[in-house]
Amino acid sequence: MTSADVLARVARLFAERGRGEYHGEAVTQLEHALQCAALAAADGYAPPVIVAALLHDVGHLLHGHGEDYLDRGVNDTHEDLGARFLARAFGPAVTEPIRLHVPAKRYLCAARAGYAAALSPASVRSLELQGGPMSAAERAAFEALPHFTAAVAVREYDDRAKVPGLVTPALAHFWPHLATCRT
């Protein structure tokens, strides 16, 4: 699969599955992705972080676990699935923040007072399945990773991008960033 094939598949996934519910939130998968990318762009991040924010949950669109996987106690490991799929088209500046956005939630729960209490019910449930807050040793190792800062930023956008009716640019607006970051 070429990088062009990956981009075409991403477009199809958003077209076919992007209108699906985003884990009990009042936004769709596509609305969530667009809000994340818009937040990263508004904060002045470079295209790789904007693309990572846009595509961080593409693994949810790829897996076949259904929308009720959390209710069934399934950890979908969407971060790994998405990063592996996207590595066919993007380098680590895009794929590592995607792969690390779930560990970033675990990190923030351990490192930032009050963070866990602000998580949505779906994020609390998935946190349990993903291993809970990091230990002190895990935190230190996570902080040493090259894409630590971008992963935490993507995670924070993930938490904030659940606003019903928020107007964002369309997917086509972000497409040039995907093309720019493509390997």
N, C-alpha and C. Protein backbone atom coordinates (compact mmCIF):
# COMPACT_ATOMS: atom_id res chain seq x y z
N MET A 1 0.86 -1.18 0.00
CA MET A 1 0.00 0.00 0.00
C MET A 1 0.90 1.24 0.00
N THR A 2 0.68 2.10 -0.96
CA THR A 2 1.47 3.32 -1.08
C THR A 2 0.92 4.40 -0.15
N SER A 3 1.67 5.47 0.01
CA SER A 3 1.19 6.57 0.84
C SER A 3 -0.07 7.18 0.24
N ALA A 4 -0.17 7.23 -1.09
CA ALA A 4 -1.38 7.73 -1.75
C ALA A 4 -2.57 6.82 -1.43
N ASP A 5 -2.34 5.51 -1.39
CA ASP A 5 -3.40 4.57 -1.03
C ASP A 5 -3.87 4.80 0.41
N VAL A 6 -2.93 5.08 1.30
CA VAL A 6 -3.28 5.34 2.70
C VAL A 6 -4.17 6.58 2.79
N LEU A 7 -3.77 7.65 2.10
CA LEU A 7 -4.59 8.87 2.14
C LEU A 7 -5.98 8.62 1.56
N ALA A 8 -6.05 7.85 0.50
CA ALA A 8 -7.36 7.52 -0.08
C ALA A 8 -8.20 6.71 0.91
N ARG A 9 -7.56 5.79 1.61
CA ARG A 9 -8.29 4.98 2.60
C ARG A 9 -8.75 5.85 3.76
N VAL A 10 -7.94 6.78 4.20
CA VAL A 10 -8.34 7.71 5.27
C VAL A 10 -9.57 8.50 4.84
N ALA A 11 -9.55 9.01 3.62
CA ALA A 11 -10.71 9.76 3.12
C ALA A 11 -11.96 8.88 3.11
N ARG A 12 -11.81 7.62 2.67
CA ARG A 12 -12.97 6.70 2.65
C ARG A 12 -13.45 6.39 4.07
N LEU A 13 -12.52 6.19 4.98
CA LEU A 13 -12.91 5.89 6.36
C LEU A 13 -13.73 7.02 6.96
N PHE A 14 -13.28 8.25 6.76
CA PHE A 14 -14.05 9.38 7.28
C PHE A 14 -15.40 9.50 6.58
N ALA A 15 -15.44 9.23 5.28
CA ALA A 15 -16.70 9.32 4.54
C ALA A 15 -17.67 8.22 4.98
N GLU A 16 -17.15 7.01 5.19
CA GLU A 16 -18.00 5.87 5.51
C GLU A 16 -18.31 5.71 6.99
N ARG A 17 -17.36 6.04 7.86
CA ARG A 17 -17.53 5.77 9.29
C ARG A 17 -17.41 7.01 10.17
N GLY A 18 -17.07 8.13 9.57
CA GLY A 18 -16.85 9.36 10.34
C GLY A 18 -18.09 9.92 11.00
N ARG A 19 -19.25 9.56 10.51
CA ARG A 19 -20.49 10.06 11.10
C ARG A 19 -20.93 9.22 12.29
N GLY A 20 -20.16 8.18 12.60
CA GLY A 20 -20.47 7.33 13.74
C GLY A 20 -20.25 8.04 15.06
N GLU A 21 -20.91 7.55 16.06
CA GLU A 21 -20.82 8.12 17.41
C GLU A 21 -19.39 8.05 17.94
N TYR A 22 -19.00 9.10 18.62
CA TYR A 22 -17.69 9.11 19.27
C TYR A 22 -17.85 8.73 20.74
N HIS A 23 -17.96 7.46 21.02
CA HIS A 23 -17.93 6.88 22.37
C HIS A 23 -18.86 7.55 23.36
N GLY A 24 -20.11 7.69 23.01
CA GLY A 24 -21.08 8.25 23.94
C GLY A 24 -21.04 9.76 24.07
N GLU A 25 -20.17 10.40 23.32
CA GLU A 25 -20.09 11.86 23.34
C GLU A 25 -21.11 12.42 22.35
N ALA A 26 -21.36 13.69 22.42
CA ALA A 26 -22.35 14.33 21.56
C ALA A 26 -21.75 14.82 20.25
N VAL A 27 -20.64 14.22 19.83
CA VAL A 27 -20.00 14.54 18.55
C VAL A 27 -19.74 13.23 17.80
N THR A 28 -19.55 13.36 16.50
CA THR A 28 -19.20 12.20 15.69
C THR A 28 -17.69 12.02 15.67
N GLN A 29 -17.26 10.89 15.11
CA GLN A 29 -15.83 10.64 14.95
C GLN A 29 -15.19 11.76 14.13
N LEU A 30 -15.85 12.16 13.03
CA LEU A 30 -15.30 13.20 12.16
C LEU A 30 -15.28 14.55 12.87
N GLU A 31 -16.34 14.90 13.56
CA GLU A 31 -16.36 16.18 14.28
C GLU A 31 -15.24 16.22 15.32
N HIS A 32 -15.04 15.12 16.01
CA HIS A 32 -13.97 15.04 17.01
C HIS A 32 -12.60 15.25 16.35
N ALA A 33 -12.37 14.58 15.24
CA ALA A 33 -11.09 14.70 14.53
C ALA A 33 -10.86 16.13 14.06
N LEU A 34 -11.88 16.73 13.48
CA LEU A 34 -11.75 18.11 12.97
C LEU A 34 -11.53 19.09 14.11
N GLN A 35 -12.20 18.90 15.22
CA GLN A 35 -11.99 19.79 16.37
C GLN A 35 -10.56 19.66 16.89
N CYS A 36 -10.04 18.46 16.95
CA CYS A 36 -8.65 18.26 17.40
C CYS A 36 -7.68 18.99 16.48
N ALA A 37 -7.85 18.80 15.18
CA ALA A 37 -6.95 19.44 14.21
C ALA A 37 -7.07 20.96 14.29
N ALA A 38 -8.28 21.47 14.43
CA ALA A 38 -8.48 22.92 14.51
C ALA A 38 -7.81 23.49 15.76
N LEU A 39 -7.87 22.76 16.87
CA LEU A 39 -7.21 23.21 18.10
C LEU A 39 -5.69 23.26 17.91
N ALA A 40 -5.13 22.23 17.30
CA ALA A 40 -3.68 22.20 17.06
C ALA A 40 -3.25 23.35 16.13
N ALA A 41 -4.05 23.59 15.10
CA ALA A 41 -3.74 24.69 14.17
C ALA A 41 -3.85 26.03 14.88
N ALA A 42 -4.87 26.20 15.69
CA ALA A 42 -5.06 27.47 16.41
C ALA A 42 -3.91 27.74 17.38
N ASP A 43 -3.32 26.67 17.91
CA ASP A 43 -2.18 26.83 18.81
C ASP A 43 -0.86 26.99 18.07
N GLY A 44 -0.91 27.00 16.75
CA GLY A 44 0.29 27.27 15.96
C GLY A 44 1.21 26.08 15.75
N TYR A 45 0.72 24.89 15.96
CA TYR A 45 1.57 23.72 15.74
C TYR A 45 1.88 23.55 14.26
N ALA A 46 3.00 22.92 13.99
CA ALA A 46 3.42 22.59 12.63
C ALA A 46 2.53 21.48 12.07
N PRO A 47 2.53 21.32 10.75
CA PRO A 47 1.66 20.32 10.12
C PRO A 47 1.73 18.91 10.72
N PRO A 48 2.90 18.36 11.11
CA PRO A 48 2.86 17.00 11.65
C PRO A 48 1.98 16.85 12.89
N VAL A 49 1.96 17.83 13.76
CA VAL A 49 1.11 17.73 14.96
C VAL A 49 -0.35 17.94 14.59
N ILE A 50 -0.63 18.82 13.63
CA ILE A 50 -2.00 19.01 13.16
C ILE A 50 -2.52 17.72 12.55
N VAL A 51 -1.70 17.06 11.75
CA VAL A 51 -2.09 15.79 11.14
C VAL A 51 -2.28 14.71 12.21
N ALA A 52 -1.37 14.66 13.17
CA ALA A 52 -1.52 13.69 14.27
C ALA A 52 -2.82 13.94 15.03
N ALA A 53 -3.13 15.20 15.29
CA ALA A 53 -4.37 15.52 15.99
C ALA A 53 -5.58 15.08 15.16
N LEU A 54 -5.54 15.33 13.87
CA LEU A 54 -6.64 14.95 12.99
C LEU A 54 -6.82 13.44 12.94
N LEU A 55 -5.73 12.69 12.88
CA LEU A 55 -5.79 11.25 12.63
C LEU A 55 -5.57 10.39 13.87
N HIS A 56 -5.50 11.00 15.06
CA HIS A 56 -5.14 10.22 16.25
C HIS A 56 -6.08 9.06 16.54
N ASP A 57 -7.33 9.16 16.13
CA ASP A 57 -8.29 8.09 16.41
C ASP A 57 -8.68 7.29 15.17
N VAL A 58 -7.88 7.36 14.11
CA VAL A 58 -8.21 6.61 12.89
C VAL A 58 -8.29 5.11 13.18
N GLY A 59 -7.58 4.66 14.18
CA GLY A 59 -7.66 3.24 14.57
C GLY A 59 -9.07 2.83 14.96
N HIS A 60 -9.85 3.75 15.54
CA HIS A 60 -11.26 3.44 15.84
C HIS A 60 -12.04 3.17 14.57
N LEU A 61 -11.67 3.84 13.50
CA LEU A 61 -12.37 3.66 12.22
C LEU A 61 -11.91 2.39 11.50
N LEU A 62 -10.74 1.91 11.86
CA LEU A 62 -10.18 0.71 11.23
C LEU A 62 -10.64 -0.59 11.89
N HIS A 63 -10.78 -0.58 13.20
CA HIS A 63 -11.08 -1.85 13.87
C HIS A 63 -12.54 -2.25 13.68
N GLY A 64 -12.79 -3.51 13.91
CA GLY A 64 -14.14 -4.03 13.74
C GLY A 64 -14.82 -4.39 15.04
N HIS A 65 -14.46 -3.71 16.12
CA HIS A 65 -15.01 -4.04 17.43
C HIS A 65 -16.42 -3.50 17.65
N GLY A 66 -16.90 -2.63 16.78
CA GLY A 66 -18.20 -2.01 16.98
C GLY A 66 -18.10 -0.82 17.91
N GLU A 67 -19.20 -0.09 18.03
CA GLU A 67 -19.20 1.12 18.86
C GLU A 67 -19.34 0.81 20.34
N ASP A 68 -19.72 -0.41 20.69
CA ASP A 68 -19.95 -0.76 22.10
C ASP A 68 -18.79 -1.52 22.73
N TYR A 69 -17.61 -1.44 22.11
CA TYR A 69 -16.48 -2.22 22.60
C TYR A 69 -16.12 -1.90 24.05
N LEU A 70 -16.26 -0.64 24.47
CA LEU A 70 -15.95 -0.29 25.86
C LEU A 70 -16.92 -0.98 26.81
N ASP A 71 -18.19 -1.02 26.44
CA ASP A 71 -19.19 -1.68 27.27
C ASP A 71 -18.90 -3.17 27.43
N ARG A 72 -18.23 -3.73 26.45
CA ARG A 72 -17.88 -5.15 26.50
C ARG A 72 -16.51 -5.39 27.12
N GLY A 73 -15.87 -4.32 27.61
CA GLY A 73 -14.57 -4.46 28.28
C GLY A 73 -13.42 -4.73 27.34
N VAL A 74 -13.51 -4.25 26.11
CA VAL A 74 -12.47 -4.46 25.11
C VAL A 74 -11.58 -3.22 25.01
N ASN A 75 -10.28 -3.42 25.16
CA ASN A 75 -9.31 -2.37 24.87
C ASN A 75 -8.97 -2.51 23.41
N ASP A 76 -9.42 -1.58 22.59
CA ASP A 76 -9.27 -1.72 21.14
C ASP A 76 -7.87 -1.42 20.63
N THR A 77 -6.97 -0.95 21.47
CA THR A 77 -5.60 -0.58 21.10
C THR A 77 -5.57 0.20 19.78
N HIS A 78 -6.53 1.11 19.65
CA HIS A 78 -6.67 1.89 18.42
C HIS A 78 -5.44 2.75 18.14
N GLU A 79 -4.73 3.14 19.18
CA GLU A 79 -3.54 3.97 18.99
C GLU A 79 -2.46 3.21 18.24
N ASP A 80 -2.28 1.93 18.56
CA ASP A 80 -1.28 1.12 17.87
C ASP A 80 -1.74 0.76 16.46
N LEU A 81 -3.00 0.38 16.33
CA LEU A 81 -3.56 0.04 15.03
C LEU A 81 -3.45 1.24 14.07
N GLY A 82 -3.85 2.41 14.53
CA GLY A 82 -3.78 3.61 13.70
C GLY A 82 -2.36 3.98 13.34
N ALA A 83 -1.46 3.94 14.30
CA ALA A 83 -0.06 4.30 14.03
C ALA A 83 0.58 3.34 13.03
N ARG A 84 0.31 2.05 13.18
CA ARG A 84 0.87 1.07 12.23
C ARG A 84 0.34 1.31 10.82
N PHE A 85 -0.95 1.52 10.70
CA PHE A 85 -1.55 1.77 9.40
C PHE A 85 -0.98 3.05 8.77
N LEU A 86 -0.91 4.11 9.54
CA LEU A 86 -0.46 5.41 9.03
C LEU A 86 1.04 5.46 8.76
N ALA A 87 1.81 4.54 9.35
CA ALA A 87 3.26 4.51 9.12
C ALA A 87 3.60 4.20 7.67
N ARG A 88 2.63 3.72 6.92
CA ARG A 88 2.83 3.48 5.49
C ARG A 88 2.87 4.78 4.70
N ALA A 89 2.43 5.87 5.35
CA ALA A 89 2.37 7.16 4.65
C ALA A 89 3.07 8.29 5.38
N PHE A 90 3.28 8.13 6.69
CA PHE A 90 3.82 9.23 7.48
C PHE A 90 4.98 8.75 8.35
N GLY A 91 5.86 9.69 8.67
CA GLY A 91 6.98 9.38 9.55
C GLY A 91 6.61 9.52 11.01
N PRO A 92 7.59 9.33 11.88
CA PRO A 92 7.37 9.36 13.32
C PRO A 92 6.81 10.68 13.87
N ALA A 93 7.06 11.80 13.20
CA ALA A 93 6.53 13.08 13.71
C ALA A 93 5.01 13.09 13.70
N VAL A 94 4.40 12.25 12.86
CA VAL A 94 2.95 12.09 12.83
C VAL A 94 2.53 10.86 13.62
N THR A 95 3.18 9.73 13.38
CA THR A 95 2.70 8.47 13.95
C THR A 95 3.01 8.29 15.44
N GLU A 96 4.11 8.85 15.91
CA GLU A 96 4.43 8.67 17.34
C GLU A 96 3.45 9.40 18.26
N PRO A 97 3.08 10.66 17.99
CA PRO A 97 2.05 11.27 18.84
C PRO A 97 0.73 10.50 18.82
N ILE A 98 0.42 9.89 17.68
CA ILE A 98 -0.79 9.06 17.59
C ILE A 98 -0.62 7.83 18.47
N ARG A 99 0.47 7.12 18.31
CA ARG A 99 0.73 5.91 19.10
C ARG A 99 0.77 6.21 20.60
N LEU A 100 1.25 7.40 20.93
CA LEU A 100 1.46 7.76 22.34
C LEU A 100 0.31 8.54 22.98
N HIS A 101 -0.77 8.83 22.26
CA HIS A 101 -1.82 9.64 22.87
C HIS A 101 -2.57 8.92 23.97
N VAL A 102 -2.63 7.60 23.94
CA VAL A 102 -3.23 6.84 25.05
C VAL A 102 -2.28 6.81 26.24
N PRO A 103 -1.00 6.47 26.06
CA PRO A 103 -0.09 6.59 27.20
C PRO A 103 -0.05 8.02 27.76
N ALA A 104 -0.26 9.02 26.91
CA ALA A 104 -0.28 10.41 27.40
C ALA A 104 -1.44 10.63 28.37
N LYS A 105 -2.57 9.98 28.14
CA LYS A 105 -3.69 10.07 29.09
C LYS A 105 -3.28 9.43 30.41
N ARG A 106 -2.67 8.28 30.34
CA ARG A 106 -2.20 7.60 31.56
C ARG A 106 -1.19 8.49 32.29
N TYR A 107 -0.31 9.12 31.51
CA TYR A 107 0.70 10.03 32.08
C TYR A 107 0.03 11.20 32.79
N LEU A 108 -0.88 11.87 32.09
CA LEU A 108 -1.53 13.07 32.66
C LEU A 108 -2.35 12.73 33.90
N CYS A 109 -2.93 11.56 33.94
CA CYS A 109 -3.68 11.15 35.14
C CYS A 109 -2.76 11.05 36.35
N ALA A 110 -1.53 10.65 36.11
CA ALA A 110 -0.57 10.51 37.21
C ALA A 110 0.16 11.81 37.51
N ALA A 111 0.36 12.65 36.50
CA ALA A 111 1.24 13.81 36.65
C ALA A 111 0.51 15.12 36.95
N ARG A 112 -0.75 15.21 36.59
CA ARG A 112 -1.46 16.48 36.71
C ARG A 112 -2.65 16.33 37.66
N ALA A 113 -2.60 17.04 38.76
CA ALA A 113 -3.69 17.00 39.73
C ALA A 113 -4.99 17.43 39.08
N GLY A 114 -6.03 16.67 39.32
CA GLY A 114 -7.36 17.01 38.81
C GLY A 114 -7.63 16.55 37.40
N TYR A 115 -6.62 16.07 36.68
CA TYR A 115 -6.82 15.66 35.29
C TYR A 115 -7.81 14.51 35.19
N ALA A 116 -7.60 13.47 35.97
CA ALA A 116 -8.47 12.29 35.89
C ALA A 116 -9.92 12.63 36.21
N ALA A 117 -10.12 13.54 37.15
CA ALA A 117 -11.49 13.91 37.55
C ALA A 117 -12.23 14.62 36.42
N ALA A 118 -11.52 15.19 35.47
CA ALA A 118 -12.15 15.93 34.37
C ALA A 118 -12.41 15.05 33.15
N LEU A 119 -11.99 13.80 33.17
CA LEU A 119 -12.19 12.92 32.02
C LEU A 119 -13.67 12.60 31.83
N SER A 120 -14.04 12.40 30.57
CA SER A 120 -15.42 11.99 30.27
C SER A 120 -15.61 10.55 30.75
N PRO A 121 -16.86 10.12 30.94
CA PRO A 121 -17.09 8.74 31.38
C PRO A 121 -16.45 7.70 30.45
N ALA A 122 -16.50 7.91 29.15
CA ALA A 122 -15.88 6.96 28.22
C ALA A 122 -14.36 6.94 28.40
N SER A 123 -13.75 8.09 28.65
CA SER A 123 -12.30 8.13 28.87
C SER A 123 -11.91 7.46 30.18
N VAL A 124 -12.75 7.58 31.19
CA VAL A 124 -12.49 6.91 32.46
C VAL A 124 -12.54 5.40 32.26
N ARG A 125 -13.55 4.93 31.53
CA ARG A 125 -13.68 3.49 31.28
C ARG A 125 -12.50 2.98 30.46
N SER A 126 -12.13 3.69 29.42
CA SER A 126 -11.01 3.23 28.60
C SER A 126 -9.70 3.28 29.38
N LEU A 127 -9.54 4.26 30.28
CA LEU A 127 -8.34 4.34 31.11
C LEU A 127 -8.16 3.06 31.93
N GLU A 128 -9.24 2.55 32.47
CA GLU A 128 -9.17 1.30 33.23
C GLU A 128 -8.64 0.17 32.35
N LEU A 129 -9.14 0.09 31.13
CA LEU A 129 -8.73 -0.96 30.20
C LEU A 129 -7.31 -0.77 29.69
N GLN A 130 -6.82 0.46 29.72
CA GLN A 130 -5.50 0.79 29.18
C GLN A 130 -4.39 0.74 30.23
N GLY A 131 -4.73 0.40 31.46
CA GLY A 131 -3.70 0.22 32.48
C GLY A 131 -3.71 1.23 33.60
N GLY A 132 -4.60 2.19 33.58
CA GLY A 132 -4.69 3.17 34.65
C GLY A 132 -3.54 4.16 34.62
N PRO A 133 -3.48 5.03 35.62
CA PRO A 133 -2.41 6.03 35.69
C PRO A 133 -1.02 5.38 35.72
N MET A 134 -0.05 6.07 35.15
CA MET A 134 1.33 5.58 35.12
C MET A 134 1.96 5.60 36.50
N SER A 135 2.90 4.69 36.68
CA SER A 135 3.74 4.71 37.87
C SER A 135 4.78 5.82 37.71
N ALA A 136 5.51 6.12 38.77
CA ALA A 136 6.56 7.13 38.69
C ALA A 136 7.62 6.75 37.67
N ALA A 137 7.99 5.48 37.61
CA ALA A 137 9.00 5.02 36.65
C ALA A 137 8.47 5.15 35.22
N GLU A 138 7.21 4.81 35.00
CA GLU A 138 6.62 4.95 33.67
C GLU A 138 6.57 6.42 33.25
N ARG A 139 6.24 7.28 34.19
CA ARG A 139 6.20 8.71 33.90
C ARG A 139 7.56 9.22 33.44
N ALA A 140 8.59 8.86 34.17
CA ALA A 140 9.94 9.31 33.82
C ALA A 140 10.34 8.81 32.44
N ALA A 141 10.05 7.57 32.14
CA ALA A 141 10.38 7.01 30.83
C ALA A 141 9.58 7.71 29.72
N PHE A 142 8.32 7.99 29.99
CA PHE A 142 7.46 8.66 29.00
C PHE A 142 7.98 10.07 28.72
N GLU A 143 8.36 10.79 29.75
CA GLU A 143 8.87 12.16 29.60
C GLU A 143 10.15 12.21 28.76
N ALA A 144 10.89 11.10 28.70
CA ALA A 144 12.15 11.06 27.96
C ALA A 144 11.96 10.75 26.47
N LEU A 145 10.74 10.42 26.06
CA LEU A 145 10.51 10.06 24.66
C LEU A 145 10.60 11.29 23.76
N PRO A 146 11.11 11.12 22.54
CA PRO A 146 11.27 12.26 21.63
C PRO A 146 9.97 12.99 21.29
N HIS A 147 8.85 12.29 21.26
CA HIS A 147 7.59 12.91 20.86
C HIS A 147 6.63 13.12 22.04
N PHE A 148 7.22 13.19 23.21
CA PHE A 148 6.45 13.38 24.44
C PHE A 148 5.55 14.63 24.38
N THR A 149 6.12 15.77 24.03
CA THR A 149 5.36 17.03 24.04
C THR A 149 4.22 16.99 23.04
N ALA A 150 4.46 16.49 21.85
CA ALA A 150 3.40 16.40 20.85
C ALA A 150 2.32 15.42 21.28
N ALA A 151 2.71 14.31 21.89
CA ALA A 151 1.73 13.33 22.36
C ALA A 151 0.82 13.92 23.42
N VAL A 152 1.39 14.68 24.35
CA VAL A 152 0.58 15.31 25.39
C VAL A 152 -0.35 16.35 24.77
N ALA A 153 0.14 17.10 23.81
CA ALA A 153 -0.72 18.09 23.14
C ALA A 153 -1.89 17.40 22.44
N VAL A 154 -1.62 16.34 21.70
CA VAL A 154 -2.69 15.61 21.02
C VAL A 154 -3.69 15.07 22.04
N ARG A 155 -3.18 14.57 23.15
CA ARG A 155 -4.08 14.05 24.20
C ARG A 155 -4.99 15.16 24.75
N GLU A 156 -4.40 16.31 24.99
CA GLU A 156 -5.20 17.42 25.52
C GLU A 156 -6.25 17.88 24.51
N TYR A 157 -5.90 17.87 23.22
CA TYR A 157 -6.90 18.20 22.20
C TYR A 157 -7.99 17.13 22.17
N ASP A 158 -7.59 15.88 22.32
CA ASP A 158 -8.54 14.77 22.36
C ASP A 158 -9.57 15.01 23.47
N ASP A 159 -9.11 15.45 24.62
CA ASP A 159 -10.02 15.70 25.74
C ASP A 159 -10.96 16.87 25.49
N ARG A 160 -10.49 17.88 24.80
CA ARG A 160 -11.26 19.11 24.59
C ARG A 160 -12.18 19.05 23.37
N ALA A 161 -11.93 18.15 22.46
CA ALA A 161 -12.62 18.14 21.17
C ALA A 161 -13.91 17.33 21.21
N LYS A 162 -14.82 17.76 22.06
CA LYS A 162 -16.09 17.04 22.23
C LYS A 162 -17.23 18.04 22.36
N VAL A 163 -17.14 19.13 21.61
CA VAL A 163 -18.10 20.23 21.72
C VAL A 163 -19.17 20.10 20.64
N PRO A 164 -20.40 19.80 21.03
CA PRO A 164 -21.47 19.66 20.03
C PRO A 164 -21.67 20.97 19.25
N GLY A 165 -21.79 20.83 17.93
CA GLY A 165 -22.10 21.97 17.09
C GLY A 165 -20.98 22.94 16.83
N LEU A 166 -19.78 22.67 17.31
CA LEU A 166 -18.66 23.58 17.09
C LEU A 166 -18.33 23.63 15.60
N VAL A 167 -18.23 24.82 15.07
CA VAL A 167 -17.90 24.99 13.66
C VAL A 167 -16.38 24.90 13.50
N THR A 168 -15.96 24.03 12.60
CA THR A 168 -14.53 23.84 12.29
C THR A 168 -14.36 23.86 10.77
N PRO A 169 -13.14 24.02 10.32
CA PRO A 169 -12.90 23.83 8.89
C PRO A 169 -13.24 22.38 8.50
N ALA A 170 -13.57 22.18 7.25
CA ALA A 170 -13.88 20.85 6.73
C ALA A 170 -12.61 20.03 6.59
N LEU A 171 -12.78 18.75 6.38
CA LEU A 171 -11.64 17.86 6.19
C LEU A 171 -10.74 18.33 5.05
N ALA A 172 -11.33 18.82 3.99
CA ALA A 172 -10.55 19.30 2.84
C ALA A 172 -9.58 20.41 3.22
N HIS A 173 -9.91 21.19 4.23
CA HIS A 173 -9.04 22.27 4.69
C HIS A 173 -7.70 21.71 5.20
N PHE A 174 -7.75 20.56 5.84
CA PHE A 174 -6.55 19.97 6.44
C PHE A 174 -5.80 19.06 5.47
N TRP A 175 -6.42 18.73 4.35
CA TRP A 175 -5.80 17.78 3.42
C TRP A 175 -4.42 18.21 2.94
N PRO A 176 -4.17 19.49 2.66
CA PRO A 176 -2.81 19.88 2.27
C PRO A 176 -1.76 19.54 3.33
N HIS A 177 -2.12 19.57 4.61
CA HIS A 177 -1.17 19.18 5.66
C HIS A 177 -0.81 17.71 5.53
N LEU A 178 -1.80 16.88 5.22
CA LEU A 178 -1.53 15.46 5.05
C LEU A 178 -0.57 15.25 3.88
N ALA A 179 -0.81 15.96 2.80
CA ALA A 179 0.06 15.84 1.63
C ALA A 179 1.48 16.31 1.95
N THR A 180 1.59 17.39 2.72
CA THR A 180 2.90 17.94 3.10
C THR A 180 3.69 16.95 3.97
N CYS A 181 3.01 16.26 4.84
CA CYS A 181 3.67 15.37 5.80
C CYS A 181 3.91 13.97 5.26
N ARG A 182 3.34 13.66 4.15
CA ARG A 182 3.44 12.32 3.56
C ARG A 182 4.87 11.96 3.24
N THR A 183 5.24 10.71 3.49
CA THR A 183 6.60 10.26 3.19
C THR A 183 6.69 9.71 1.79
